[in-house]
PDB file of N, CA and C in Angstrom:
ATOM      1  N   MET A   1      83.758  95.053  99.206  1.00  0.00           N
ATOM      2  CA  MET A   1      84.701  94.738  98.264  1.00  0.00           C
ATOM      3  C   MET A   1      84.149  93.804  97.324  1.00  0.00           C
ATOM      4  N   ASN A   2      83.642  94.004  96.314  1.00  0.00           N
ATOM      5  CA  ASN A   2      82.991  93.188  95.286  1.00  0.00           C
ATOM      6  C   ASN A   2      83.441  93.152  93.899  1.00  0.00           C
ATOM      7  N   ASN A   3      84.896  93.164  93.646  1.00  0.00           N
ATOM      8  CA  ASN A   3      85.246  93.450  92.446  1.00  0.00           C
ATOM      9  C   ASN A   3      86.555  92.533  92.213  1.00  0.00           C
ATOM     10  N   LYS A   4      86.984  92.414  91.047  1.00  0.00           N
ATOM     11  CA  LYS A   4      88.129  91.360  90.820  1.00  0.00           C
ATOM     12  C   LYS A   4      89.083  91.406  91.583  1.00  0.00           C
ATOM     13  N   LEU A   5      89.729  92.723  91.665  1.00  0.00           N
ATOM     14  CA  LEU A   5      90.961  93.235  92.541  1.00  0.00           C
ATOM     15  C   LEU A   5      91.041  92.851  93.715  1.00  0.00           C
ATOM     16  N   SER A   6      89.583  93.144  94.500  1.00  0.00           N
ATOM     17  CA  SER A   6      89.439  92.737  95.969  1.00  0.00           C
ATOM     18  C   SER A   6      89.686  91.319  96.168  1.00  0.00           C
ATOM     19  N   HIS A   7      89.050  90.547  95.248  1.00  0.00           N
ATOM     20  CA  HIS A   7      88.900  89.225  95.340  1.00  0.00           C
ATOM     21  C   HIS A   7      90.494  88.634  95.479  1.00  0.00           C
ATOM     22  N   ILE A   8      91.135  88.951  94.209  1.00  0.00           N
ATOM     23  CA  ILE A   8      92.664  88.701  94.268  1.00  0.00           C
ATOM     24  C   ILE A   8      93.331  88.866  95.488  1.00  0.00           C
ATOM     25  N   PHE A   9      93.227  90.102  96.278  1.00  0.00           N
ATOM     26  CA  PHE A   9      94.106  90.580  97.206  1.00  0.00           C
ATOM     27  C   PHE A   9      93.398  89.762  98.468  1.00  0.00           C
ATOM     28  N   GLU A  10      91.984  89.558  98.784  1.00  0.00           N
ATOM     29  CA  GLU A  10      91.665  88.937  99.794  1.00  0.00           C
ATOM     30  C   GLU A  10      91.799  87.439  99.984  1.00  0.00           C
ATOM     31  N   SER A  11      91.828  86.624  98.678  1.00  0.00           N
ATOM     32  CA  SER A  11      92.158  85.326  98.548  1.00  0.00           C
ATOM     33  C   SER A  11      93.653  84.667  98.643  1.00  0.00           C
ATOM     34  N   GLN A  12      94.525  85.802  98.062  1.00  0.00           N
ATOM     35  CA  GLN A  12      95.994  85.536  97.973  1.00  0.00           C
ATOM     36  C   GLN A  12      96.915  86.280  98.822  1.00  0.00           C
ATOM     37  N   GLY A  13      96.501  87.456  99.487  1.00  0.00           N
ATOM     38  CA  GLY A  13      97.386  88.281 100.074  1.00  0.00           C
ATOM     39  C   GLY A  13      97.357  88.000 101.531  1.00  0.00           C
ATOM     40  N   LYS A  14      98.248  88.827 102.309  1.00  0.00           N
ATOM     41  CA  LYS A  14      98.539  89.011 103.737  1.00  0.00           C
ATOM     42  C   LYS A  14      97.940  90.265 104.406  1.00  0.00           C
ATOM     43  N   LYS A  15      96.966  90.184 105.210  1.00  0.00           N
ATOM     44  CA  LYS A  15      96.455  91.273 105.899  1.00  0.00           C
ATOM     45  C   LYS A  15      97.054  91.725 106.979  1.00  0.00           C
ATOM     46  N   ILE A  16      97.557  93.101 106.988  1.00  0.00           N
ATOM     47  CA  ILE A  16      98.350  93.538 108.204  1.00  0.00           C
ATOM     48  C   ILE A  16      97.500  94.923 108.461  1.00  0.00           C
ATOM     49  N   ALA A  17      98.090  95.481 109.650  1.00  0.00           N
ATOM     50  CA  ALA A  17      97.468  96.448 110.107  1.00  0.00           C
ATOM     51  C   ALA A  17      98.465  97.696 110.310  1.00  0.00           C
ATOM     52  N   VAL A  18      98.157  98.931 109.620  1.00  0.00           N
ATOM     53  CA  VAL A  18      99.373 100.038 109.528  1.00  0.00           C
ATOM     54  C   VAL A  18      98.942 101.186 110.189  1.00  0.00           C
ATOM     55  N   ASN A  19      99.747 101.915 111.078  1.00  0.00           N
ATOM     56  CA  ASN A  19      99.462 103.022 111.703  1.00  0.00           C
ATOM     57  C   ASN A  19     100.869 103.611 111.798  1.00  0.00           C
ATOM     58  N   SER A  20     100.717 104.946 112.491  1.00  0.00           N
ATOM     59  CA  SER A  20     101.996 105.646 112.832  1.00  0.00           C
ATOM     60  C   SER A  20     103.156 105.018 113.626  1.00  0.00           C
ATOM     61  N   HIS A  21     102.753 103.806 114.433  1.00  0.00           N
ATOM     62  CA  HIS A  21     103.811 103.140 115.080  1.00  0.00           C
ATOM     63  C   HIS A  21     104.132 101.963 114.232  1.00  0.00           C
ATOM     64  N   ALA A  22     103.554 101.517 113.039  1.00  0.00           N
ATOM     65  CA  ALA A  22     103.766 100.377 112.107  1.00  0.00           C
ATOM     66  C   ALA A  22     103.638 101.098 110.838  1.00  0.00           C
ATOM     67  N   PRO A  23     104.412 101.651 110.470  1.00  0.00           N
ATOM     68  CA  PRO A  23     104.419 102.202 108.770  1.00  0.00           C
ATOM     69  C   PRO A  23     105.104 100.885 108.053  1.00  0.00           C
ATOM     70  N   VAL A  24     104.630 101.293 106.718  1.00  0.00           N
ATOM     71  CA  VAL A  24     105.131 100.370 105.843  1.00  0.00           C
ATOM     72  C   VAL A  24     106.078 101.283 104.985  1.00  0.00           C
ATOM     73  N   ASN A  25     107.359 100.603 104.731  1.00  0.00           N
ATOM     74  CA  ASN A  25     108.391 101.327 104.015  1.00  0.00           C
ATOM     75  C   ASN A  25     108.080 101.053 102.630  1.00  0.00           C
ATOM     76  N   LEU A  26     108.053 101.713 101.579  1.00  0.00           N
ATOM     77  CA  LEU A  26     107.776 101.535 100.325  1.00  0.00           C
ATOM     78  C   LEU A  26     108.861 101.737  99.440  1.00  0.00           C
ATOM     79  N   LYS A  27     110.133 102.001 100.215  1.00  0.00           N
ATOM     80  CA  LYS A  27     111.184 102.303  99.318  1.00  0.00           C
ATOM     81  C   LYS A  27     111.969 100.824  99.218  1.00  0.00           C
ATOM     82  N   ASN A  28     112.417 100.500  97.784  1.00  0.00           N
ATOM     83  CA  ASN A  28     112.848  99.085  97.511  1.00  0.00           C
ATOM     84  C   ASN A  28     111.842  98.255  98.047  1.00  0.00           C
ATOM     85  N   ASN A  29     110.869  98.186  97.763  1.00  0.00           N
ATOM     86  CA  ASN A  29     109.655  97.310  98.163  1.00  0.00           C
ATOM     87  C   ASN A  29     108.959  96.625  96.904  1.00  0.00           C
ATOM     88  N   ASP A  30     108.995  95.155  96.831  1.00  0.00           N
ATOM     89  CA  ASP A  30     108.357  94.762  95.549  1.00  0.00           C
ATOM     90  C   ASP A  30     106.812  94.383  95.959  1.00  0.00           C
ATOM     91  N   ASN A  31     106.192  95.063  96.732  1.00  0.00           N
ATOM     92  CA  ASN A  31     104.751  94.399  97.248  1.00  0.00           C
ATOM     93  C   ASN A  31     103.927  95.589  96.543  1.00  0.00           C
ATOM     94  N   ILE A  32     102.653  94.881  96.401  1.00  0.00           N
ATOM     95  CA  ILE A  32     101.363  95.893  95.879  1.00  0.00           C
ATOM     96  C   ILE A  32     100.453  96.026  97.372  1.00  0.00           C
ATOM     97  N   PHE A  33      99.923  96.865  97.465  1.00  0.00           N
ATOM     98  CA  PHE A  33      98.840  96.833  98.708  1.00  0.00           C
ATOM     99  C   PHE A  33      97.453  97.408  98.388  1.00  0.00           C
ATOM    100  N   TRP A  34      96.585  96.655  98.888  1.00  0.00           N
ATOM    101  CA  TRP A  34      95.099  97.188  98.767  1.00  0.00           C
ATOM    102  C   TRP A  34      94.678  97.683 100.064  1.00  0.00           C
ATOM    103  N   ILE A  35      94.074  98.836 100.120  1.00  0.00           N
ATOM    104  CA  ILE A  35      93.565  99.182 101.382  1.00  0.00           C
ATOM    105  C   ILE A  35      92.047  98.522 101.732  1.00  0.00           C
ATOM    106  N   CYS A  36      91.979  97.798 102.809  1.00  0.00           N
ATOM    107  CA  CYS A  36      90.870  97.209 103.126  1.00  0.00           C
ATOM    108  C   CYS A  36      89.982  98.273 103.950  1.00  0.00           C
ATOM    109  N   THR A  37      90.303  98.566 104.780  1.00  0.00           N
ATOM    110  CA  THR A  37      89.516  99.718 105.722  1.00  0.00           C
ATOM    111  C   THR A  37      90.483 100.871 106.101  1.00  0.00           C
ATOM    112  N   GLY A  38      89.924 101.934 106.330  1.00  0.00           N
ATOM    113  CA  GLY A  38      90.778 103.157 106.771  1.00  0.00           C
ATOM    114  C   GLY A  38      91.155 104.078 105.530  1.00  0.00           C
ATOM    115  N   LYS A  39      92.303 104.812 105.976  1.00  0.00           N
ATOM    116  CA  LYS A  39      93.061 105.379 104.835  1.00  0.00           C
ATOM    117  C   LYS A  39      94.533 105.403 105.087  1.00  0.00           C
ATOM    118  N   ILE A  40      95.108 105.534 103.960  1.00  0.00           N
ATOM    119  CA  ILE A  40      96.503 105.675 104.056  1.00  0.00           C
ATOM    120  C   ILE A  40      97.123 107.015 103.604  1.00  0.00           C
ATOM    121  N   ASP A  41      98.088 107.701 104.375  1.00  0.00           N
ATOM    122  CA  ASP A  41      98.873 108.647 104.119  1.00  0.00           C
ATOM    123  C   ASP A  41     100.182 108.282 103.559  1.00  0.00           C
ATOM    124  N   ILE A  42     100.635 108.702 102.215  1.00  0.00           N
ATOM    125  CA  ILE A  42     102.077 108.579 101.702  1.00  0.00           C
ATOM    126  C   ILE A  42     103.019 109.901 102.105  1.00  0.00           C
ATOM    127  N   PHE A  43     104.122 109.374 102.799  1.00  0.00           N
ATOM    128  CA  PHE A  43     105.040 110.537 102.868  1.00  0.00           C
ATOM    129  C   PHE A  43     106.317 110.191 102.247  1.00  0.00           C
ATOM    130  N   ALA A  44     106.939 111.258 101.871  1.00  0.00           N
ATOM    131  CA  ALA A  44     108.647 111.267 101.554  1.00  0.00           C
ATOM    132  C   ALA A  44     109.141 111.507 102.964  1.00  0.00           C
ATOM    133  N   VAL A  45     110.201 110.892 103.197  1.00  0.00           N
ATOM    134  CA  VAL A  45     110.777 111.040 104.697  1.00  0.00           C
ATOM    135  C   VAL A  45     112.314 111.280 104.075  1.00  0.00           C
ATOM    136  N   ASP A  46     113.075 112.456 104.657  1.00  0.00           N
ATOM    137  CA  ASP A  46     114.279 112.840 104.426  1.00  0.00           C
ATOM    138  C   ASP A  46     115.300 112.251 105.306  1.00  0.00           C
ATOM    139  N   PRO A  47     116.583 112.261 104.953  1.00  0.00           N
ATOM    140  CA  PRO A  47     117.588 111.819 105.796  1.00  0.00           C
ATOM    141  C   PRO A  47     117.478 111.988 107.639  1.00  0.00           C
ATOM    142  N   ASN A  48     116.861 113.172 107.730  1.00  0.00           N
ATOM    143  CA  ASN A  48     116.529 113.646 109.140  1.00  0.00           C
ATOM    144  C   ASN A  48     115.401 113.128 109.616  1.00  0.00           C
ATOM    145  N   MET A  49     114.635 112.165 109.055  1.00  0.00           N
ATOM    146  CA  MET A  49     113.333 111.627 109.416  1.00  0.00           C
ATOM    147  C   MET A  49     112.187 112.674 109.162  1.00  0.00           C
ATOM    148  N   LYS A  50     112.482 113.652 108.674  1.00  0.00           N
ATOM    149  CA  LYS A  50     111.038 114.732 108.510  1.00  0.00           C
ATOM    150  C   LYS A  50     110.383 114.172 107.340  1.00  0.00           C
ATOM    151  N   ARG A  51     108.977 114.078 107.699  1.00  0.00           N
ATOM    152  CA  ARG A  51     108.011 113.741 106.686  1.00  0.00           C
ATOM    153  C   ARG A  51     107.291 114.882 105.885  1.00  0.00           C
ATOM    154  N   ASN A  52     107.285 114.443 104.670  1.00  0.00           N
ATOM    155  CA  ASN A  52     106.585 115.369 103.696  1.00  0.00           C
ATOM    156  C   ASN A  52     105.280 114.780 103.150  1.00  0.00           C
ATOM    157  N   HIS A  53     104.062 115.165 103.400  1.00  0.00           N
ATOM    158  CA  HIS A  53     102.834 114.490 103.010  1.00  0.00           C
ATOM    159  C   HIS A  53     102.826 114.602 101.377  1.00  0.00           C
ATOM    160  N   ILE A  54     102.613 113.360 100.793  1.00  0.00           N
ATOM    161  CA  ILE A  54     102.457 113.280  99.155  1.00  0.00           C
ATOM    162  C   ILE A  54     101.051 113.283  98.959  1.00  0.00           C
ATOM    163  N   ALA A  55     100.344 112.288  99.464  1.00  0.00           N
ATOM    164  CA  ALA A  55      98.914 111.762  98.902  1.00  0.00           C
ATOM    165  C   ALA A  55      98.284 111.246 100.175  1.00  0.00           C
ATOM    166  N   ARG A  56      96.924 111.154 100.170  1.00  0.00           N
ATOM    167  CA  ARG A  56      96.276 110.306 101.053  1.00  0.00           C
ATOM    168  C   ARG A  56      95.274 109.559  99.982  1.00  0.00           C
ATOM    169  N   LEU A  57      95.238 108.099 100.460  1.00  0.00           N
ATOM    170  CA  LEU A  57      94.498 106.926  99.864  1.00  0.00           C
ATOM    171  C   LEU A  57      93.451 106.820 100.515  1.00  0.00           C
ATOM    172  N   GLU A  58      92.397 106.190  99.848  1.00  0.00           N
ATOM    173  CA  GLU A  58      91.031 105.815 100.568  1.00  0.00           C
ATOM    174  C   GLU A  58      90.961 104.284 100.510  1.00  0.00           C
ATOM    175  N   SER A  59      89.930 103.841 101.223  1.00  0.00           N
ATOM    176  CA  SER A  59      89.617 102.412 101.240  1.00  0.00           C
ATOM    177  C   SER A  59      89.350 101.916  99.920  1.00  0.00           C
ATOM    178  N   GLU A  60      89.794 100.816  99.584  1.00  0.00           N
ATOM    179  CA  GLU A  60      89.604 100.086  98.181  1.00  0.00           C
ATOM    180  C   GLU A  60      90.583 100.737  97.176  1.00  0.00           C
ATOM    181  N   GLU A  61      91.429 101.536  97.467  1.00  0.00           N
ATOM    182  CA  GLU A  61      92.517 101.817  96.607  1.00  0.00           C
ATOM    183  C   GLU A  61      93.649 101.172  96.887  1.00  0.00           C
ATOM    184  N   PHE A  62      94.544 101.032  95.549  1.00  0.00           N
ATOM    185  CA  PHE A  62      95.750 100.266  95.871  1.00  0.00           C
ATOM    186  C   PHE A  62      97.160 101.143  95.780  1.00  0.00           C
ATOM    187  N   PHE A  63      98.250 100.643  96.078  1.00  0.00           N
ATOM    188  CA  PHE A  63      99.387 101.475  95.876  1.00  0.00           C
ATOM    189  C   PHE A  63     100.710 100.477  95.771  1.00  0.00           C
ATOM    190  N   LEU A  64     101.634 101.041  95.290  1.00  0.00           N
ATOM    191  CA  LEU A  64     102.822 100.119  94.915  1.00  0.00           C
ATOM    192  C   LEU A  64     104.165 100.585  95.760  1.00  0.00           C
ATOM    193  N   GLY A  65     104.798  99.561  96.150  1.00  0.00           N
ATOM    194  CA  GLY A  65     106.256  99.986  96.510  1.00  0.00           C
ATOM    195  C   GLY A  65     107.026 100.356  95.385  1.00  0.00           C
ATOM    196  N   LEU A  66     108.343 101.248  95.642  1.00  0.00           N
ATOM    197  CA  LEU A  66     109.003 101.549  94.395  1.00  0.00           C
ATOM    198  C   LEU A  66     110.420 101.362  94.805  1.00  0.00           C
ATOM    199  N   HIS A  67     111.109 101.070  93.559  1.00  0.00           N
ATOM    200  CA  HIS A  67     112.663 100.931  93.564  1.00  0.00           C
ATOM    201  C   HIS A  67     113.427 102.226  93.456  1.00  0.00           C
ATOM    202  N   ILE A  68     113.954 102.895  94.341  1.00  0.00           N
ATOM    203  CA  ILE A  68     114.701 104.158  94.252  1.00  0.00           C
ATOM    204  C   ILE A  68     116.012 103.916  95.015  1.00  0.00           C
ATOM    205  N   ASP A  69     116.781 103.260  94.503  1.00  0.00           N
ATOM    206  CA  ASP A  69     117.771 102.764  95.452  1.00  0.00           C
ATOM    207  C   ASP A  69     118.776 104.166  95.462  1.00  0.00           C
ATOM    208  N   GLN A  70     119.164 104.978  94.439  1.00  0.00           N
ATOM    209  CA  GLN A  70     120.108 105.993  94.609  1.00  0.00           C
ATOM    210  C   GLN A  70     119.478 107.278  95.543  1.00  0.00           C
ATOM    211  N   SER A  71     118.344 107.209  95.776  1.00  0.00           N
ATOM    212  CA  SER A  71     117.792 108.454  96.674  1.00  0.00           C
ATOM    213  C   SER A  71     117.883 108.295  98.140  1.00  0.00           C
ATOM    214  N   GLU A  72     118.378 109.527  98.761  1.00  0.00           N
ATOM    215  CA  GLU A  72     118.212 109.428 100.107  1.00  0.00           C
ATOM    216  C   GLU A  72     116.892 109.542 100.973  1.00  0.00           C
ATOM    217  N   ILE A  73     115.952 109.779  99.895  1.00  0.00           N
ATOM    218  CA  ILE A  73     114.489 110.114 100.220  1.00  0.00           C
ATOM    219  C   ILE A  73     113.790 108.649 100.462  1.00  0.00           C
ATOM    220  N   GLY A  74     113.196 108.611 101.525  1.00  0.00           N
ATOM    221  CA  GLY A  74     112.552 107.400 101.713  1.00  0.00           C
ATOM    222  C   GLY A  74     111.179 107.477 101.330  1.00  0.00           C
ATOM    223  N   LEU A  75     110.154 106.353 101.126  1.00  0.00           N
ATOM    224  CA  LEU A  75     108.677 106.591 101.087  1.00  0.00           C
ATOM    225  C   LEU A  75     108.107 105.633 102.104  1.00  0.00           C
ATOM    226  N   GLN A  76     107.227 106.303 103.000  1.00  0.00           N
ATOM    227  CA  GLN A  76     106.522 105.423 103.940  1.00  0.00           C
ATOM    228  C   GLN A  76     104.718 105.635 103.945  1.00  0.00           C
ATOM    229  N   ALA A  77     104.155 104.557 104.244  1.00  0.00           N
ATOM    230  CA  ALA A  77     102.628 104.814 104.177  1.00  0.00           C
ATOM    231  C   ALA A  77     102.296 104.393 105.437  1.00  0.00           C
ATOM    232  N   ILE A  78     101.743 105.413 106.017  1.00  0.00           N
ATOM    233  CA  ILE A  78     101.003 105.278 107.476  1.00  0.00           C
ATOM    234  C   ILE A  78      99.459 105.517 107.358  1.00  0.00           C
ATOM    235  N   GLY A  79      98.795 104.560 108.206  1.00  0.00           N
ATOM    236  CA  GLY A  79      97.519 104.345 108.240  1.00  0.00           C
ATOM    237  C   GLY A  79      96.819 105.223 109.552  1.00  0.00           C
ATOM    238  N   ILE A  80      95.637 105.719 109.160  1.00  0.00           N
ATOM    239  CA  ILE A  80      94.948 106.211 110.290  1.00  0.00           C
ATOM    240  C   ILE A  80      94.512 105.277 111.257  1.00  0.00           C
ATOM    241  N   VAL A  81      94.059 105.408 112.354  1.00  0.00           N
ATOM    242  CA  VAL A  81      93.327 104.389 113.199  1.00  0.00           C
ATOM    243  C   VAL A  81      92.539 103.471 112.430  1.00  0.00           C
ATOM    244  N   ASP A  82      92.776 102.236 112.913  1.00  0.00           N
ATOM    245  CA  ASP A  82      92.004 100.907 112.484  1.00  0.00           C
ATOM    246  C   ASP A  82      92.295 100.790 110.920  1.00  0.00           C
ATOM    247  N   THR A  83      93.351 101.306 110.104  1.00  0.00           N
ATOM    248  CA  THR A  83      93.594 100.939 108.952  1.00  0.00           C
ATOM    249  C   THR A  83      94.207  99.651 108.666  1.00  0.00           C
ATOM    250  N   GLN A  84      93.753  98.603 107.917  1.00  0.00           N
ATOM    251  CA  GLN A  84      94.036  97.520 107.514  1.00  0.00           C
ATOM    252  C   GLN A  84      94.389  97.510 105.903  1.00  0.00           C
ATOM    253  N   ILE A  85      95.501  96.813 105.566  1.00  0.00           N
ATOM    254  CA  ILE A  85      95.892  96.644 104.105  1.00  0.00           C
ATOM    255  C   ILE A  85      96.017  95.369 103.752  1.00  0.00           C
ATOM    256  N   ILE A  86      96.066  94.809 102.644  1.00  0.00           N
ATOM    257  CA  ILE A  86      96.420  93.446 102.196  1.00  0.00           C
ATOM    258  C   ILE A  86      97.693  93.566 101.266  1.00  0.00           C
ATOM    259  N   GLN A  87      98.685  92.886 101.510  1.00  0.00           N
ATOM    260  CA  GLN A  87      99.956  93.028 100.543  1.00  0.00           C
ATOM    261  C   GLN A  87     100.172  91.816 100.076  1.00  0.00           C
ATOM    262  N   MET A  88     100.817  91.935  98.927  1.00  0.00           N
ATOM    263  CA  MET A  88     101.255  90.564  98.040  1.00  0.00           C
ATOM    264  C   MET A  88     102.204  91.313  97.064  1.00  0.00           C
ATOM    265  N   THR A  89     103.401  90.308  96.638  1.00  0.00           N
ATOM    266  CA  THR A  89     104.348  90.945  95.784  1.00  0.00           C
ATOM    267  C   THR A  89     103.496  91.136  94.459  1.00  0.00           C
ATOM    268  N   GLN A  90     104.221  92.305  93.845  1.00  0.00           N
ATOM    269  CA  GLN A  90     103.728  92.493  92.449  1.00  0.00           C
ATOM    270  C   GLN A  90     103.678  91.553  91.553  1.00  0.00           C
ATOM    271  N   LYS A  91     104.726  90.543  91.418  1.00  0.00           N
ATOM    272  CA  LYS A  91     104.897  89.603  90.588  1.00  0.00           C
ATOM    273  C   LYS A  91     103.717  88.646  90.845  1.00  0.00           C
ATOM    274  N   HIS A  92     103.327  88.221  91.893  1.00  0.00           N
ATOM    275  CA  HIS A  92     102.101  87.334  92.474  1.00  0.00           C
ATOM    276  C   HIS A  92     100.784  87.866  91.873  1.00  0.00           C
ATOM    277  N   PHE A  93     100.769  89.291  92.181  1.00  0.00           N
ATOM    278  CA  PHE A  93      99.656  89.938  91.931  1.00  0.00           C
ATOM    279  C   PHE A  93      99.450  89.916  90.276  1.00  0.00           C
ATOM    280  N   LEU A  94     100.513  90.008  89.533  1.00  0.00           N
ATOM    281  CA  LEU A  94     100.215  90.214  88.178  1.00  0.00           C
ATOM    282  C   LEU A  94     100.005  88.729  87.655  1.00  0.00           C
ATOM    283  N   ASP A  95     100.822  87.688  88.236  1.00  0.00           N
ATOM    284  CA  ASP A  95     100.536  86.458  87.750  1.00  0.00           C
ATOM    285  C   ASP A  95      98.852  86.100  87.947  1.00  0.00           C
ATOM    286  N   ALA A  96      98.533  86.513  89.048  1.00  0.00           N
ATOM    287  CA  ALA A  96      97.059  86.281  89.391  1.00  0.00           C
ATOM    288  C   ALA A  96      96.119  86.832  88.504  1.00  0.00           C
ATOM    289  N   LEU A  97      96.473  88.306  88.032  1.00  0.00           N
ATOM    290  CA  LEU A  97      95.607  88.831  87.145  1.00  0.00           C
ATOM    291  C   LEU A  97      95.679  88.013  85.734  1.00  0.00           C
ATOM    292  N   GLN A  98      96.864  87.510  85.383  1.00  0.00           N
ATOM    293  CA  GLN A  98      97.000  86.673  84.210  1.00  0.00           C
ATOM    294  C   GLN A  98      96.325  85.679  84.317  1.00  0.00           C
ATOM    295  N   ARG A  99      96.005  84.865  85.384  1.00  0.00           N
ATOM    296  CA  ARG A  99      95.295  83.600  85.377  1.00  0.00           C
ATOM    297  C   ARG A  99      93.870  83.850  85.409  1.00  0.00           C
ATOM    298  N   GLY A 100      93.458  85.013  85.907  1.00  0.00           N
ATOM    299  CA  GLY A 100      91.997  85.450  85.796  1.00  0.00           C
ATOM    300  C   GLY A 100      91.570  85.885  84.360  1.00  0.00           C
ATOM    301  N   LYS A 101      92.713  86.416  83.693  1.00  0.00           N
ATOM    302  CA  LYS A 101      92.181  86.780  82.334  1.00  0.00           C
ATOM    303  C   LYS A 101      92.116  85.553  81.675  1.00  0.00           C
ATOM    304  N   LYS A 102      93.068  84.372  81.597  1.00  0.00           N
ATOM    305  CA  LYS A 102      92.747  83.165  81.009  1.00  0.00           C
ATOM    306  C   LYS A 102      91.396  82.598  81.309  1.00  0.00           C
ATOM    307  N   TYR A 103      91.162  82.750  82.609  1.00  0.00           N
ATOM    308  CA  TYR A 103      89.954  81.956  82.914  1.00  0.00           C
ATOM    309  C   TYR A 103      88.755  82.689  82.492  1.00  0.00           C
ATOM    310  N   HIS A 104      88.643  83.930  82.410  1.00  0.00           N
ATOM    311  CA  HIS A 104      87.434  84.765  81.843  1.00  0.00           C
ATOM    312  C   HIS A 104      87.395  84.681  80.401  1.00  0.00           C
ATOM    313  N   LYS A 105      88.611  84.412  79.683  1.00  0.00           N
ATOM    314  CA  LYS A 105      88.347  84.362  78.110  1.00  0.00           C
ATOM    315  C   LYS A 105      87.830  82.803  77.930  1.00  0.00           C
ATOM    316  N   THR A 106      88.298  81.778  78.642  1.00  0.00           N
ATOM    317  CA  THR A 106      87.661  80.398  78.664  1.00  0.00           C
ATOM    318  C   THR A 106      86.276  80.644  78.781  1.00  0.00           C
ATOM    319  N   LEU A 107      85.770  81.205  80.051  1.00  0.00           N
ATOM    320  CA  LEU A 107      84.422  81.286  80.141  1.00  0.00           C
ATOM    321  C   LEU A 107      83.773  81.900  79.218  1.00  0.00           C
ATOM    322  N   GLN A 108      84.210  82.992  78.766  1.00  0.00           N
ATOM    323  CA  GLN A 108      83.446  83.634  77.521  1.00  0.00           C
ATOM    324  C   GLN A 108      83.400  82.944  76.552  1.00  0.00           C
ATOM    325  N   MET A 109      84.381  82.057  75.963  1.00  0.00           N
ATOM    326  CA  MET A 109      84.219  81.381  74.904  1.00  0.00           C
ATOM    327  C   MET A 109      83.090  80.241  75.212  1.00  0.00           C
ATOM    328  N   ARG A 110      83.026  79.575  76.303  1.00  0.00           N
ATOM    329  CA  ARG A 110      82.236  78.646  76.676  1.00  0.00           C
ATOM    330  C   ARG A 110      80.743  79.190  76.458  1.00  0.00           C
ATOM    331  N   LEU A 111      80.594  80.468  76.996  1.00  0.00           N
ATOM    332  CA  LEU A 111      79.232  81.108  76.943  1.00  0.00           C
ATOM    333  C   LEU A 111      78.825  81.192  75.523  1.00  0.00           C
ATOM    334  N   MET A 112      79.842  81.626  74.736  1.00  0.00           N
ATOM    335  CA  MET A 112      79.401  81.821  73.200  1.00  0.00           C
ATOM    336  C   MET A 112      79.206  80.710  72.475  1.00  0.00           C
ATOM    337  N   TYR A 113      79.993  79.368  72.795  1.00  0.00           N
ATOM    338  CA  TYR A 113      79.900  78.355  71.770  1.00  0.00           C
ATOM    339  C   TYR A 113      79.320  77.223  72.589  1.00  0.00           C
ATOM    340  N   GLY A 114      78.937  77.299  73.672  1.00  0.00           N
ATOM    341  CA  GLY A 114      78.510  76.063  74.818  1.00  0.00           C
ATOM    342  C   GLY A 114      79.721  75.444  75.529  1.00  0.00           C
ATOM    343  N   PHE A 115      79.090  74.673  76.421  1.00  0.00           N
ATOM    344  CA  PHE A 115      79.957  74.159  77.562  1.00  0.00           C
ATOM    345  C   PHE A 115      80.540  72.765  77.163  1.00  0.00           C
ATOM    346  N   LYS A 116      80.433  72.340  75.796  1.00  0.00           N
ATOM    347  CA  LYS A 116      81.021  71.093  75.384  1.00  0.00           C
ATOM    348  C   LYS A 116      82.427  71.185  75.495  1.00  0.00           C
ATOM    349  N   ASN A 117      83.235  70.069  75.778  1.00  0.00           N
ATOM    350  CA  ASN A 117      84.715  70.064  75.847  1.00  0.00           C
ATOM    351  C   ASN A 117      85.355  70.131  74.584  1.00  0.00           C
TER     352      ASN A 117
END
């Protein structure tokens, strides 16, 4: 993972293992998740705990928790064997992106006009 997004997650997020015995509840969840290794299946879960597959996500993709208070349907992320993800709050992630944007703008200006203060 050699891009800006992976750097933000690896330097500031919390790594966790995800599998069928330890799913991530995405309903009313303020986190953003980066898939380090493995694959994640996203399921809608009805009140009887029946799972309906929605999507499969691959390594180096990310997904979000959602606020769906009024729905009886839940959302779960379940990893295949040896899947690891990094989580951080969406606010923390957006703040880190904004800090990076300011840093890159400053670097760009210094490259264009020199490194004098």
